[in-house]
Amino acid sequence: MKIDTKKLKDFLKKIPRILVERFLLTLIFLLILSFLVAFFIFKISTSFKEGTFIRTETFNEKIYRKILEKYDEEKRKFEEIDQKVYPNPFEEK
């Protein structure tokens, strides 16, 4: 079976005109096509296999206590800074 190149050329030349004449249908088709492609890419990239679950962390009391101690220490340092009296360098002696 031989492909008629003249008919193929004519058809390829008519494609832009057909697309412009049916702009709304073309736009809707491309929009649906892009959503389908994005959906399949998302589906493939986030496929979950059985037996693979996200491991959740449990609350660690020791780490929480350490953080509270550091927070209290910083708070104490800021309070000490506020209580210290600095000499005024612009005051005459």
PDB file of N, CA and C in Angstrom:
ATOM      1  N   MET A   1       0.842  -1.173   0.000  1.00  0.00           N
ATOM      2  CA  MET A   1       0.000   0.000   0.000  1.00  0.00           C
ATOM      3  C   MET A   1       0.889   1.238   0.000  1.00  0.00           C
ATOM      4  N   LYS A   2       0.704   2.084  -0.947  1.00  0.00           N
ATOM      5  CA  LYS A   2       1.529   3.274  -1.103  1.00  0.00           C
ATOM      6  C   LYS A   2       0.774   4.490  -0.564  1.00  0.00           C
ATOM      7  N   ILE A   3       1.495   5.314   0.179  1.00  0.00           N
ATOM      8  CA  ILE A   3       0.900   6.517   0.736  1.00  0.00           C
ATOM      9  C   ILE A   3       0.999   7.622  -0.297  1.00  0.00           C
ATOM     10  N   ASP A   4      -0.116   8.265  -0.540  1.00  0.00           N
ATOM     11  CA  ASP A   4      -0.150   9.357  -1.504  1.00  0.00           C
ATOM     12  C   ASP A   4       0.406  10.607  -0.817  1.00  0.00           C
ATOM     13  N   THR A   5       1.578  11.027  -1.220  1.00  0.00           N
ATOM     14  CA  THR A   5       2.256  12.146  -0.556  1.00  0.00           C
ATOM     15  C   THR A   5       1.570  13.473  -0.836  1.00  0.00           C
ATOM     16  N   LYS A   6       0.947  13.609  -1.999  1.00  0.00           N
ATOM     17  CA  LYS A   6       0.277  14.867  -2.310  1.00  0.00           C
ATOM     18  C   LYS A   6      -0.905  15.098  -1.376  1.00  0.00           C
ATOM     19  N   LYS A   7      -1.696  14.046  -1.142  1.00  0.00           N
ATOM     20  CA  LYS A   7      -2.832  14.171  -0.231  1.00  0.00           C
ATOM     21  C   LYS A   7      -2.355  14.441   1.200  1.00  0.00           C
ATOM     22  N   LEU A   8      -1.259  13.779   1.585  1.00  0.00           N
ATOM     23  CA  LEU A   8      -0.702  13.981   2.922  1.00  0.00           C
ATOM     24  C   LEU A   8      -0.210  15.415   3.091  1.00  0.00           C
ATOM     25  N   LYS A   9       0.460  15.968   2.089  1.00  0.00           N
ATOM     26  CA  LYS A   9       0.935  17.346   2.138  1.00  0.00           C
ATOM     27  C   LYS A   9      -0.235  18.312   2.252  1.00  0.00           C
ATOM     28  N   ASP A  10      -1.264  18.073   1.455  1.00  0.00           N
ATOM     29  CA  ASP A  10      -2.441  18.943   1.505  1.00  0.00           C
ATOM     30  C   ASP A  10      -3.091  18.903   2.888  1.00  0.00           C
ATOM     31  N   PHE A  11      -3.196  17.709   3.443  1.00  0.00           N
ATOM     32  CA  PHE A  11      -3.795  17.576   4.764  1.00  0.00           C
ATOM     33  C   PHE A  11      -2.961  18.287   5.830  1.00  0.00           C
ATOM     34  N   LEU A  12      -1.636  18.130   5.770  1.00  0.00           N
ATOM     35  CA  LEU A  12      -0.756  18.767   6.748  1.00  0.00           C
ATOM     36  C   LEU A  12      -0.818  20.290   6.634  1.00  0.00           C
ATOM     37  N   LYS A  13      -1.023  20.791   5.423  1.00  0.00           N
ATOM     38  CA  LYS A  13      -1.149  22.237   5.239  1.00  0.00           C
ATOM     39  C   LYS A  13      -2.477  22.746   5.790  1.00  0.00           C
ATOM     40  N   LYS A  14      -3.492  21.909   5.804  1.00  0.00           N
ATOM     41  CA  LYS A  14      -4.816  22.317   6.268  1.00  0.00           C
ATOM     42  C   LYS A  14      -4.959  22.232   7.792  1.00  0.00           C
ATOM     43  N   ILE A  15      -4.061  21.531   8.463  1.00  0.00           N
ATOM     44  CA  ILE A  15      -4.184  21.325   9.917  1.00  0.00           C
ATOM     45  C   ILE A  15      -4.246  22.649  10.690  1.00  0.00           C
ATOM     46  N   PRO A  16      -3.348  23.618  10.453  1.00  0.00           N
ATOM     47  CA  PRO A  16      -3.462  24.877  11.212  1.00  0.00           C
ATOM     48  C   PRO A  16      -4.814  25.573  11.001  1.00  0.00           C
ATOM     49  N   ARG A  17      -5.319  25.552   9.789  1.00  0.00           N
ATOM     50  CA  ARG A  17      -6.601  26.192   9.516  1.00  0.00           C
ATOM     51  C   ARG A  17      -7.736  25.472  10.245  1.00  0.00           C
ATOM     52  N   ILE A  18      -7.706  24.160  10.237  1.00  0.00           N
ATOM     53  CA  ILE A  18      -8.735  23.378  10.929  1.00  0.00           C
ATOM     54  C   ILE A  18      -8.692  23.657  12.432  1.00  0.00           C
ATOM     55  N   LEU A  19      -7.475  23.727  12.980  1.00  0.00           N
ATOM     56  CA  LEU A  19      -7.338  23.985  14.414  1.00  0.00           C
ATOM     57  C   LEU A  19      -7.845  25.371  14.795  1.00  0.00           C
ATOM     58  N   VAL A  20      -7.599  26.356  13.956  1.00  0.00           N
ATOM     59  CA  VAL A  20      -8.054  27.711  14.245  1.00  0.00           C
ATOM     60  C   VAL A  20      -9.564  27.815  14.092  1.00  0.00           C
ATOM     61  N   GLU A  21     -10.106  27.152  13.113  1.00  0.00           N
ATOM     62  CA  GLU A  21     -11.556  27.193  12.917  1.00  0.00           C
ATOM     63  C   GLU A  21     -12.292  26.544  14.079  1.00  0.00           C
ATOM     64  N   ARG A  22     -11.695  25.538  14.661  1.00  0.00           N
ATOM     65  CA  ARG A  22     -12.320  24.839  15.789  1.00  0.00           C
ATOM     66  C   ARG A  22     -11.482  25.070  17.056  1.00  0.00           C
ATOM     67  N   PHE A  23     -11.247  26.352  17.351  1.00  0.00           N
ATOM     68  CA  PHE A  23     -10.354  26.729  18.449  1.00  0.00           C
ATOM     69  C   PHE A  23     -10.849  26.204  19.789  1.00  0.00           C
ATOM     70  N   LEU A  24     -12.126  26.366  20.078  1.00  0.00           N
ATOM     71  CA  LEU A  24     -12.652  25.952  21.370  1.00  0.00           C
ATOM     72  C   LEU A  24     -12.539  24.437  21.563  1.00  0.00           C
ATOM     73  N   LEU A  25     -12.877  23.681  20.535  1.00  0.00           N
ATOM     74  CA  LEU A  25     -12.764  22.226  20.646  1.00  0.00           C
ATOM     75  C   LEU A  25     -11.305  21.798  20.806  1.00  0.00           C
ATOM     76  N   THR A  26     -10.423  22.466  20.072  1.00  0.00           N
ATOM     77  CA  THR A  26      -9.000  22.159  20.196  1.00  0.00           C
ATOM     78  C   THR A  26      -8.494  22.476  21.600  1.00  0.00           C
ATOM     79  N   LEU A  27      -8.909  23.625  22.127  1.00  0.00           N
ATOM     80  CA  LEU A  27      -8.494  24.019  23.472  1.00  0.00           C
ATOM     81  C   LEU A  27      -8.972  23.011  24.516  1.00  0.00           C
ATOM     82  N   ILE A  28     -10.213  22.614  24.426  1.00  0.00           N
ATOM     83  CA  ILE A  28     -10.759  21.639  25.376  1.00  0.00           C
ATOM     84  C   ILE A  28     -10.035  20.297  25.248  1.00  0.00           C
ATOM     85  N   PHE A  29      -9.788  19.873  24.017  1.00  0.00           N
ATOM     86  CA  PHE A  29      -9.082  18.609  23.807  1.00  0.00           C
ATOM     87  C   PHE A  29      -7.675  18.651  24.411  1.00  0.00           C
ATOM     88  N   LEU A  30      -6.942  19.738  24.162  1.00  0.00           N
ATOM     89  CA  LEU A  30      -5.584  19.846  24.708  1.00  0.00           C
ATOM     90  C   LEU A  30      -5.594  19.939  26.234  1.00  0.00           C
ATOM     91  N   LEU A  31      -6.589  20.608  26.776  1.00  0.00           N
ATOM     92  CA  LEU A  31      -6.699  20.703  28.227  1.00  0.00           C
ATOM     93  C   LEU A  31      -6.953  19.331  28.854  1.00  0.00           C
ATOM     94  N   ILE A  32      -7.874  18.584  28.288  1.00  0.00           N
ATOM     95  CA  ILE A  32      -8.155  17.235  28.788  1.00  0.00           C
ATOM     96  C   ILE A  32      -6.945  16.330  28.622  1.00  0.00           C
ATOM     97  N   LEU A  33      -6.270  16.447  27.486  1.00  0.00           N
ATOM     98  CA  LEU A  33      -5.066  15.645  27.245  1.00  0.00           C
ATOM     99  C   LEU A  33      -3.972  15.966  28.260  1.00  0.00           C
ATOM    100  N   SER A  34      -3.774  17.248  28.553  1.00  0.00           N
ATOM    101  CA  SER A  34      -2.743  17.613  29.534  1.00  0.00           C
ATOM    102  C   SER A  34      -3.099  17.106  30.927  1.00  0.00           C
ATOM    103  N   PHE A  35      -4.400  17.156  31.299  1.00  0.00           N
ATOM    104  CA  PHE A  35      -4.805  16.614  32.599  1.00  0.00           C
ATOM    105  C   PHE A  35      -4.575  15.102  32.673  1.00  0.00           C
ATOM    106  N   LEU A  36      -4.874  14.408  31.604  1.00  0.00           N
ATOM    107  CA  LEU A  36      -4.647  12.958  31.595  1.00  0.00           C
ATOM    108  C   LEU A  36      -3.167  12.622  31.717  1.00  0.00           C
ATOM    109  N   VAL A  37      -2.329  13.331  30.981  1.00  0.00           N
ATOM    110  CA  VAL A  37      -0.884  13.080  31.057  1.00  0.00           C
ATOM    111  C   VAL A  37      -0.373  13.384  32.468  1.00  0.00           C
ATOM    112  N   ALA A  38      -0.807  14.507  33.035  1.00  0.00           N
ATOM    113  CA  ALA A  38      -0.379  14.858  34.391  1.00  0.00           C
ATOM    114  C   ALA A  38      -0.855  13.830  35.405  1.00  0.00           C
ATOM    115  N   PHE A  39      -2.088  13.342  35.240  1.00  0.00           N
ATOM    116  CA  PHE A  39      -2.617  12.334  36.150  1.00  0.00           C
ATOM    117  C   PHE A  39      -1.790  11.053  36.091  1.00  0.00           C
ATOM    118  N   PHE A  40      -1.459  10.594  34.878  1.00  0.00           N
ATOM    119  CA  PHE A  40      -0.683   9.368  34.762  1.00  0.00           C
ATOM    120  C   PHE A  40       0.735   9.539  35.296  1.00  0.00           C
ATOM    121  N   ILE A  41       1.327  10.694  35.085  1.00  0.00           N
ATOM    122  CA  ILE A  41       2.660  10.947  35.651  1.00  0.00           C
ATOM    123  C   ILE A  41       2.582  10.936  37.173  1.00  0.00           C
ATOM    124  N   PHE A  42       1.552  11.581  37.724  1.00  0.00           N
ATOM    125  CA  PHE A  42       1.377  11.583  39.177  1.00  0.00           C
ATOM    126  C   PHE A  42       1.136  10.180  39.702  1.00  0.00           C
ATOM    127  N   LYS A  43       0.309   9.430  39.017  1.00  0.00           N
ATOM    128  CA  LYS A  43      -0.017   8.066  39.441  1.00  0.00           C
ATOM    129  C   LYS A  43       1.222   7.178  39.433  1.00  0.00           C
ATOM    130  N   ILE A  44       2.041   7.298  38.405  1.00  0.00           N
ATOM    131  CA  ILE A  44       3.251   6.483  38.312  1.00  0.00           C
ATOM    132  C   ILE A  44       4.265   6.889  39.375  1.00  0.00           C
ATOM    133  N   SER A  45       4.408   8.200  39.610  1.00  0.00           N
ATOM    134  CA  SER A  45       5.432   8.655  40.545  1.00  0.00           C
ATOM    135  C   SER A  45       5.065   8.401  41.999  1.00  0.00           C
ATOM    136  N   THR A  46       3.779   8.271  42.292  1.00  0.00           N
ATOM    137  CA  THR A  46       3.372   8.053  43.678  1.00  0.00           C
ATOM    138  C   THR A  46       2.728   6.692  43.889  1.00  0.00           C
ATOM    139  N   SER A  47       3.131   5.742  43.094  1.00  0.00           N
ATOM    140  CA  SER A  47       2.522   4.420  43.249  1.00  0.00           C
ATOM    141  C   SER A  47       3.005   3.795  44.552  1.00  0.00           C
ATOM    142  N   PHE A  48       2.062   3.316  45.325  1.00  0.00           N
ATOM    143  CA  PHE A  48       2.376   2.674  46.593  1.00  0.00           C
ATOM    144  C   PHE A  48       2.344   1.159  46.402  1.00  0.00           C
ATOM    145  N   LYS A  49       3.411   0.544  46.841  1.00  0.00           N
ATOM    146  CA  LYS A  49       3.461  -0.908  46.789  1.00  0.00           C
ATOM    147  C   LYS A  49       3.040  -1.443  48.149  1.00  0.00           C
ATOM    148  N   GLU A  50       2.481  -2.620  48.162  1.00  0.00           N
ATOM    149  CA  GLU A  50       2.041  -3.194  49.427  1.00  0.00           C
ATOM    150  C   GLU A  50       3.235  -3.454  50.327  1.00  0.00           C
ATOM    151  N   GLY A  51       3.051  -3.163  51.590  1.00  0.00           N
ATOM    152  CA  GLY A  51       4.122  -3.391  52.551  1.00  0.00           C
ATOM    153  C   GLY A  51       5.000  -2.179  52.770  1.00  0.00           C
ATOM    154  N   THR A  52       4.849  -1.148  51.989  1.00  0.00           N
ATOM    155  CA  THR A  52       5.636   0.065  52.204  1.00  0.00           C
ATOM    156  C   THR A  52       4.726   1.127  52.780  1.00  0.00           C
ATOM    157  N   PHE A  53       4.934   1.412  54.034  1.00  0.00           N
ATOM    158  CA  PHE A  53       4.137   2.411  54.711  1.00  0.00           C
ATOM    159  C   PHE A  53       5.058   3.499  55.241  1.00  0.00           C
ATOM    160  N   ILE A  54       4.523   4.669  55.383  1.00  0.00           N
ATOM    161  CA  ILE A  54       5.294   5.766  55.941  1.00  0.00           C
ATOM    162  C   ILE A  54       5.441   5.528  57.439  1.00  0.00           C
ATOM    163  N   ARG A  55       6.674   5.604  57.903  1.00  0.00           N
ATOM    164  CA  ARG A  55       6.930   5.381  59.315  1.00  0.00           C
ATOM    165  C   ARG A  55       6.682   6.681  60.070  1.00  0.00           C
ATOM    166  N   THR A  56       5.840   6.621  61.068  1.00  0.00           N
ATOM    167  CA  THR A  56       5.554   7.814  61.857  1.00  0.00           C
ATOM    168  C   THR A  56       6.442   7.820  63.084  1.00  0.00           C
ATOM    169  N   GLU A  57       6.868   8.990  63.447  1.00  0.00           N
ATOM    170  CA  GLU A  57       7.727   9.143  64.612  1.00  0.00           C
ATOM    171  C   GLU A  57       6.851   9.239  65.861  1.00  0.00           C
ATOM    172  N   THR A  58       7.360   8.703  66.960  1.00  0.00           N
ATOM    173  CA  THR A  58       6.652   8.799  68.229  1.00  0.00           C
ATOM    174  C   THR A  58       7.216   9.980  69.005  1.00  0.00           C
ATOM    175  N   PHE A  59       6.447  10.452  69.941  1.00  0.00           N
ATOM    176  CA  PHE A  59       6.870  11.585  70.755  1.00  0.00           C
ATOM    177  C   PHE A  59       8.003  11.157  71.675  1.00  0.00           C
ATOM    178  N   ASN A  60       9.125  11.870  71.610  1.00  0.00           N
ATOM    179  CA  ASN A  60      10.297  11.541  72.412  1.00  0.00           C
ATOM    180  C   ASN A  60      10.382  12.529  73.573  1.00  0.00           C
ATOM    181  N   GLU A  61      10.144  12.028  74.762  1.00  0.00           N
ATOM    182  CA  GLU A  61      10.105  12.872  75.958  1.00  0.00           C
ATOM    183  C   GLU A  61      11.473  13.466  76.283  1.00  0.00           C
ATOM    184  N   LYS A  62      12.557  12.715  76.083  1.00  0.00           N
ATOM    185  CA  LYS A  62      13.905  13.211  76.398  1.00  0.00           C
ATOM    186  C   LYS A  62      14.265  14.423  75.537  1.00  0.00           C
ATOM    187  N   ILE A  63      13.989  14.310  74.253  1.00  0.00           N
ATOM    188  CA  ILE A  63      14.300  15.425  73.351  1.00  0.00           C
ATOM    189  C   ILE A  63      13.458  16.644  73.709  1.00  0.00           C
ATOM    190  N   TYR A  64      12.212  16.418  74.055  1.00  0.00           N
ATOM    191  CA  TYR A  64      11.326  17.515  74.451  1.00  0.00           C
ATOM    192  C   TYR A  64      11.869  18.225  75.691  1.00  0.00           C
ATOM    193  N   ARG A  65      12.344  17.462  76.663  1.00  0.00           N
ATOM    194  CA  ARG A  65      12.906  18.055  77.890  1.00  0.00           C
ATOM    195  C   ARG A  65      14.162  18.871  77.575  1.00  0.00           C
ATOM    196  N   LYS A  66      15.022  18.349  76.703  1.00  0.00           N
ATOM    197  CA  LYS A  66      16.239  19.082  76.332  1.00  0.00           C
ATOM    198  C   LYS A  66      15.902  20.408  75.664  1.00  0.00           C
ATOM    199  N   ILE A  67      14.922  20.384  74.804  1.00  0.00           N
ATOM    200  CA  ILE A  67      14.510  21.618  74.117  1.00  0.00           C
ATOM    201  C   ILE A  67      13.955  22.617  75.124  1.00  0.00           C
ATOM    202  N   LEU A  68      13.162  22.134  76.064  1.00  0.00           N
ATOM    203  CA  LEU A  68      12.631  23.033  77.091  1.00  0.00           C
ATOM    204  C   LEU A  68      13.744  23.625  77.954  1.00  0.00           C
ATOM    205  N   GLU A  69      14.745  22.824  78.278  1.00  0.00           N
ATOM    206  CA  GLU A  69      15.873  23.322  79.071  1.00  0.00           C
ATOM    207  C   GLU A  69      16.623  24.406  78.312  1.00  0.00           C
ATOM    208  N   LYS A  70      16.873  24.193  77.036  1.00  0.00           N
ATOM    209  CA  LYS A  70      17.581  25.206  76.235  1.00  0.00           C
ATOM    210  C   LYS A  70      16.749  26.476  76.125  1.00  0.00           C
ATOM    211  N   TYR A  71      15.451  26.310  75.966  1.00  0.00           N
ATOM    212  CA  TYR A  71      14.570  27.470  75.884  1.00  0.00           C
ATOM    213  C   TYR A  71      14.605  28.256  77.187  1.00  0.00           C
ATOM    214  N   ASP A  72      14.548  27.562  78.316  1.00  0.00           N
ATOM    215  CA  ASP A  72      14.593  28.235  79.619  1.00  0.00           C
ATOM    216  C   ASP A  72      15.928  28.935  79.829  1.00  0.00           C
ATOM    217  N   GLU A  73      17.013  28.312  79.389  1.00  0.00           N
ATOM    218  CA  GLU A  73      18.336  28.914  79.518  1.00  0.00           C
ATOM    219  C   GLU A  73      18.427  30.200  78.702  1.00  0.00           C
ATOM    220  N   GLU A  74      17.924  30.183  77.495  1.00  0.00           N
ATOM    221  CA  GLU A  74      17.934  31.383  76.657  1.00  0.00           C
ATOM    222  C   GLU A  74      17.078  32.482  77.287  1.00  0.00           C
ATOM    223  N   LYS A  75      15.953  32.086  77.808  1.00  0.00           N
ATOM    224  CA  LYS A  75      15.059  33.050  78.448  1.00  0.00           C
ATOM    225  C   LYS A  75      15.750  33.685  79.657  1.00  0.00           C
ATOM    226  N   ARG A  76      16.449  32.864  80.442  1.00  0.00           N
ATOM    227  CA  ARG A  76      17.169  33.369  81.617  1.00  0.00           C
ATOM    228  C   ARG A  76      18.269  34.342  81.201  1.00  0.00           C
ATOM    229  N   LYS A  77      18.982  34.029  80.116  1.00  0.00           N
ATOM    230  CA  LYS A  77      20.045  34.918  79.635  1.00  0.00           C
ATOM    231  C   LYS A  77      19.489  36.276  79.197  1.00  0.00           C
ATOM    232  N   PHE A  78      18.360  36.263  78.526  1.00  0.00           N
ATOM    233  CA  PHE A  78      17.753  37.522  78.096  1.00  0.00           C
ATOM    234  C   PHE A  78      17.285  38.343  79.292  1.00  0.00           C
ATOM    235  N   GLU A  79      16.788  37.673  80.325  1.00  0.00           N
ATOM    236  CA  GLU A  79      16.370  38.394  81.527  1.00  0.00           C
ATOM    237  C   GLU A  79      17.572  39.008  82.233  1.00  0.00           C
ATOM    238  N   GLU A  80      18.711  38.319  82.264  1.00  0.00           N
ATOM    239  CA  GLU A  80      19.922  38.854  82.867  1.00  0.00           C
ATOM    240  C   GLU A  80      20.404  40.083  82.112  1.00  0.00           C
ATOM    241  N   ILE A  81      20.304  40.051  80.811  1.00  0.00           N
ATOM    242  CA  ILE A  81      20.739  41.185  80.001  1.00  0.00           C
ATOM    243  C   ILE A  81      19.857  42.405  80.289  1.00  0.00           C
ATOM    244  N   ASP A  82      18.563  42.190  80.446  1.00  0.00           N
ATOM    245  CA  ASP A  82      17.654  43.299  80.731  1.00  0.00           C
ATOM    246  C   ASP A  82      17.918  43.917  82.103  1.00  0.00           C
ATOM    247  N   GLN A  83      18.403  43.154  83.074  1.00  0.00           N
ATOM    248  CA  GLN A  83      18.614  43.651  84.430  1.00  0.00           C
ATOM    249  C   GLN A  83      19.953  44.359  84.586  1.00  0.00           C
ATOM    250  N   LYS A  84      20.885  44.100  83.706  1.00  0.00           N
ATOM    251  CA  LYS A  84      22.203  44.704  83.836  1.00  0.00           C
ATOM    252  C   LYS A  84      22.140  46.181  83.473  1.00  0.00           C
ATOM    253  N   VAL A  85      22.834  46.993  84.253  1.00  0.00           N
ATOM    254  CA  VAL A  85      22.835  48.438  84.037  1.00  0.00           C
ATOM    255  C   VAL A  85      24.160  48.811  83.387  1.00  0.00           C
ATOM    256  N   TYR A  86      24.073  49.435  82.261  1.00  0.00           N
ATOM    257  CA  TYR A  86      25.259  49.868  81.537  1.00  0.00           C
ATOM    258  C   TYR A  86      25.474  51.361  81.767  1.00  0.00           C
ATOM    259  N   PRO A  87      26.747  51.787  81.866  1.00  0.00           N
ATOM    260  CA  PRO A  87      27.007  53.213  82.035  1.00  0.00           C
ATOM    261  C   PRO A  87      26.676  53.993  80.765  1.00  0.00           C
ATOM    262  N   ASN A  88      26.209  55.209  80.955  1.00  0.00           N
ATOM    263  CA  ASN A  88      25.863  56.060  79.836  1.00  0.00           C
ATOM    264  C   ASN A  88      27.135  56.714  79.309  1.00  0.00           C
ATOM    265  N   PRO A  89      27.522  56.452  78.044  1.00  0.00           N
ATOM    266  CA  PRO A  89      28.756  57.041  77.533  1.00  0.00           C
ATOM    267  C   PRO A  89      28.625  58.531  77.219  1.00  0.00           C
ATOM    268  N   PHE A  90      27.402  59.039  77.159  1.00  0.00           N
ATOM    269  CA  PHE A  90      27.210  60.461  76.826  1.00  0.00           C
ATOM    270  C   PHE A  90      26.982  61.334  78.068  1.00  0.00           C
ATOM    271  N   GLU A  91      27.043  60.729  79.218  1.00  0.00           N
ATOM    272  CA  GLU A  91      26.835  61.472  80.452  1.00  0.00           C
ATOM    273  C   GLU A  91      28.156  62.097  80.911  1.00  0.00           C
ATOM    274  N   GLU A  92      28.090  63.352  81.348  1.00  0.00           N
ATOM    275  CA  GLU A  92      29.321  64.015  81.830  1.00  0.00           C
ATOM    276  C   GLU A  92      29.636  63.553  83.244  1.00  0.00           C
ATOM    277  N   LYS A  93      30.922  63.437  83.495  1.00  0.00           N
ATOM    278  CA  LYS A  93      31.317  62.971  84.819  1.00  0.00           C
ATOM    279  C   LYS A  93      31.721  64.114  85.686  1.00  0.00           C
TER     280      LYS A  93
END
